[in-house]
Amino acid sequence: MLAAAVAPAAQAFGAVAPQVLQLRLELAEAQFTAGDYTGAGPVFRDLASDLAEAQDADTDLVWRCRRQAATRRALTDDTGEAIRQLTALMTEHHARWLLGTAGRC
């Protein structure tokens, strides 16, 4: 049902409209929870990309979508790529943490 609503909503309002982004996120989470990792992966990947380009990007949500896309790779036996993506995410997360705490020392 969600999948059928996303395309018309994106066409009517644009793929990055807040309500459409929310629909896409709900679709990806529903697919992932149901074990449809192949379907959820591209939705999470595209969401992360679209969210990252937004002017008021929610970096935690972008990171979560990227993590889920990488996790999907691990769950569909693409472990090499999953490890590469998860390592990159952890490196970025660590760098952000260091930058965030460096000014308070």
C-alpha atoms as a PDB file:
ATOM      1  CA  MET A   1       0.000   0.000   0.000  1.00  0.00           C
ATOM      2  CA  LEU A   2       2.781   2.469   0.864  1.00  0.00           C
ATOM      3  CA  ALA A   3       4.660   1.577  -2.296  1.00  0.00           C
ATOM      4  CA  ALA A   4       1.611   2.459  -4.377  1.00  0.00           C
ATOM      5  CA  ALA A   5       1.349   5.865  -2.677  1.00  0.00           C
ATOM      6  CA  VAL A   6       4.982   6.967  -3.024  1.00  0.00           C
ATOM      7  CA  ALA A   7       5.214   7.399  -6.810  1.00  0.00           C
ATOM      8  CA  PRO A   8       2.020   9.474  -7.197  1.00  0.00           C
ATOM      9  CA  ALA A   9       2.942  11.591  -4.167  1.00  0.00           C
ATOM     10  CA  ALA A  10       6.447  12.190  -5.512  1.00  0.00           C
ATOM     11  CA  GLN A  11       5.041  13.132  -8.899  1.00  0.00           C
ATOM     12  CA  ALA A  12       2.473  15.513  -7.406  1.00  0.00           C
ATOM     13  CA  PHE A  13       4.602  17.155  -4.711  1.00  0.00           C
ATOM     14  CA  GLY A  14       8.210  16.313  -5.604  1.00  0.00           C
ATOM     15  CA  ALA A  15      10.417  13.561  -4.244  1.00  0.00           C
ATOM     16  CA  VAL A  16      11.930  15.822  -1.577  1.00  0.00           C
ATOM     17  CA  ALA A  17       8.703  17.327  -0.212  1.00  0.00           C
ATOM     18  CA  PRO A  18       8.644  16.665   3.552  1.00  0.00           C
ATOM     19  CA  GLN A  19       5.502  14.515   3.372  1.00  0.00           C
ATOM     20  CA  VAL A  20       6.936  12.477   0.501  1.00  0.00           C
ATOM     21  CA  LEU A  21      10.240  11.996   2.320  1.00  0.00           C
ATOM     22  CA  GLN A  22       8.267  10.712   5.307  1.00  0.00           C
ATOM     23  CA  LEU A  23       6.322   8.295   3.070  1.00  0.00           C
ATOM     24  CA  ARG A  24       9.548   7.041   1.524  1.00  0.00           C
ATOM     25  CA  LEU A  25      11.085   6.530   4.958  1.00  0.00           C
ATOM     26  CA  GLU A  26       8.029   4.623   6.167  1.00  0.00           C
ATOM     27  CA  LEU A  27       8.147   2.466   3.030  1.00  0.00           C
ATOM     28  CA  ALA A  28      11.826   1.646   3.486  1.00  0.00           C
ATOM     29  CA  GLU A  29      11.358   0.831   7.162  1.00  0.00           C
ATOM     30  CA  ALA A  30       8.323  -1.361   6.433  1.00  0.00           C
ATOM     31  CA  GLN A  31      10.194  -3.240   3.707  1.00  0.00           C
ATOM     32  CA  PHE A  32      13.251  -3.715   5.916  1.00  0.00           C
ATOM     33  CA  THR A  33      11.186  -4.901   8.880  1.00  0.00           C
ATOM     34  CA  ALA A  34       9.318  -7.344   6.635  1.00  0.00           C
ATOM     35  CA  GLY A  35      12.623  -8.784   5.399  1.00  0.00           C
ATOM     36  CA  ASP A  36      12.431  -7.219   1.929  1.00  0.00           C
ATOM     37  CA  TYR A  37      16.041  -6.045   2.091  1.00  0.00           C
ATOM     38  CA  THR A  38      16.396  -5.888  -1.684  1.00  0.00           C
ATOM     39  CA  GLY A  39      13.457  -3.477  -1.884  1.00  0.00           C
ATOM     40  CA  ALA A  40      14.449  -1.419   1.146  1.00  0.00           C
ATOM     41  CA  GLY A  41      18.094  -0.874   0.200  1.00  0.00           C
ATOM     42  CA  PRO A  42      17.587   1.406  -2.795  1.00  0.00           C
ATOM     43  CA  VAL A  43      14.877   3.373  -0.975  1.00  0.00           C
ATOM     44  CA  PHE A  44      17.224   3.994   1.979  1.00  0.00           C
ATOM     45  CA  ARG A  45      20.106   4.832  -0.382  1.00  0.00           C
ATOM     46  CA  ASP A  46      18.049   7.331  -2.395  1.00  0.00           C
ATOM     47  CA  LEU A  47      16.581   8.823   0.771  1.00  0.00           C
ATOM     48  CA  ALA A  48      20.043   9.349   2.235  1.00  0.00           C
ATOM     49  CA  SER A  49      21.147  11.088  -0.935  1.00  0.00           C
ATOM     50  CA  ASP A  50      18.075  13.326  -1.129  1.00  0.00           C
ATOM     51  CA  LEU A  51      18.169  14.140   2.584  1.00  0.00           C
ATOM     52  CA  ALA A  52      21.894  14.972   2.473  1.00  0.00           C
ATOM     53  CA  GLU A  53      21.278  17.531  -0.274  1.00  0.00           C
ATOM     54  CA  ALA A  54      18.540  19.303   1.691  1.00  0.00           C
ATOM     55  CA  GLN A  55      19.533  22.681   3.090  1.00  0.00           C
ATOM     56  CA  ASP A  56      18.362  21.775   6.598  1.00  0.00           C
ATOM     57  CA  ALA A  57      19.606  18.196   6.452  1.00  0.00           C
ATOM     58  CA  ASP A  58      18.990  16.003   9.485  1.00  0.00           C
ATOM     59  CA  THR A  59      22.430  14.392   9.665  1.00  0.00           C
ATOM     60  CA  ASP A  60      21.240  11.716  12.087  1.00  0.00           C
ATOM     61  CA  LEU A  61      18.510  10.636   9.671  1.00  0.00           C
ATOM     62  CA  VAL A  62      20.930  10.690   6.725  1.00  0.00           C
ATOM     63  CA  TRP A  63      23.351   8.533   8.729  1.00  0.00           C
ATOM     64  CA  ARG A  64      20.536   6.139   9.722  1.00  0.00           C
ATOM     65  CA  CYS A  65      19.408   5.725   6.102  1.00  0.00           C
ATOM     66  CA  ARG A  66      22.983   5.119   4.949  1.00  0.00           C
ATOM     67  CA  ARG A  67      23.489   2.591   7.760  1.00  0.00           C
ATOM     68  CA  GLN A  68      20.312   0.731   6.801  1.00  0.00           C
ATOM     69  CA  ALA A  69      21.352   0.668   3.134  1.00  0.00           C
ATOM     70  CA  ALA A  70      24.730  -0.788   4.152  1.00  0.00           C
ATOM     71  CA  THR A  71      23.116  -3.272   6.537  1.00  0.00           C
ATOM     72  CA  ARG A  72      20.882  -4.425   3.696  1.00  0.00           C
ATOM     73  CA  ARG A  73      24.008  -5.303   1.744  1.00  0.00           C
ATOM     74  CA  ALA A  74      25.216  -7.491   4.598  1.00  0.00           C
ATOM     75  CA  LEU A  75      21.839  -9.210   4.788  1.00  0.00           C
ATOM     76  CA  THR A  76      21.844  -9.950   1.047  1.00  0.00           C
ATOM     77  CA  ASP A  77      25.342 -11.490   1.045  1.00  0.00           C
ATOM     78  CA  ASP A  78      27.182  -8.446  -0.344  1.00  0.00           C
ATOM     79  CA  THR A  79      29.415  -8.419   2.722  1.00  0.00           C
ATOM     80  CA  GLY A  80      32.457  -6.811   1.109  1.00  0.00           C
ATOM     81  CA  GLU A  81      30.474  -3.743   0.080  1.00  0.00           C
ATOM     82  CA  ALA A  82      28.628  -3.737   3.412  1.00  0.00           C
ATOM     83  CA  ILE A  83      31.911  -3.653   5.317  1.00  0.00           C
ATOM     84  CA  ARG A  84      33.240  -0.867   3.086  1.00  0.00           C
ATOM     85  CA  GLN A  85      30.121   1.252   3.565  1.00  0.00           C
ATOM     86  CA  LEU A  86      29.870   0.621   7.312  1.00  0.00           C
ATOM     87  CA  THR A  87      33.561   1.417   7.785  1.00  0.00           C
ATOM     88  CA  ALA A  88      33.109   4.700   5.901  1.00  0.00           C
ATOM     89  CA  LEU A  89      30.098   5.541   8.060  1.00  0.00           C
ATOM     90  CA  MET A  90      31.986   4.848  11.277  1.00  0.00           C
ATOM     91  CA  THR A  91      34.965   6.912  10.089  1.00  0.00           C
ATOM     92  CA  GLU A  92      32.689   9.858   9.266  1.00  0.00           C
ATOM     93  CA  HIS A  93      30.817   9.485  12.549  1.00  0.00           C
ATOM     94  CA  HIS A  94      34.078   9.420  14.518  1.00  0.00           C
ATOM     95  CA  ALA A  95      35.379  12.508  12.672  1.00  0.00           C
ATOM     96  CA  ARG A  96      32.137  14.402  13.391  1.00  0.00           C
ATOM     97  CA  TRP A  97      32.355  13.412  17.036  1.00  0.00           C
ATOM     98  CA  LEU A  98      35.946  14.626  17.263  1.00  0.00           C
ATOM     99  CA  LEU A  99      35.066  17.937  15.621  1.00  0.00           C
ATOM    100  CA  GLY A 100      32.083  18.347  17.921  1.00  0.00           C
ATOM    101  CA  THR A 101      34.071  17.759  21.086  1.00  0.00           C
ATOM    102  CA  ALA A 102      37.350  19.427  20.080  1.00  0.00           C
ATOM    103  CA  GLY A 103      36.027  22.935  20.648  1.00  0.00           C
ATOM    104  CA  ARG A 104      34.979  22.104  24.225  1.00  0.00           C
ATOM    105  CA  CYS A 105      38.398  20.922  25.457  1.00  0.00           C
END
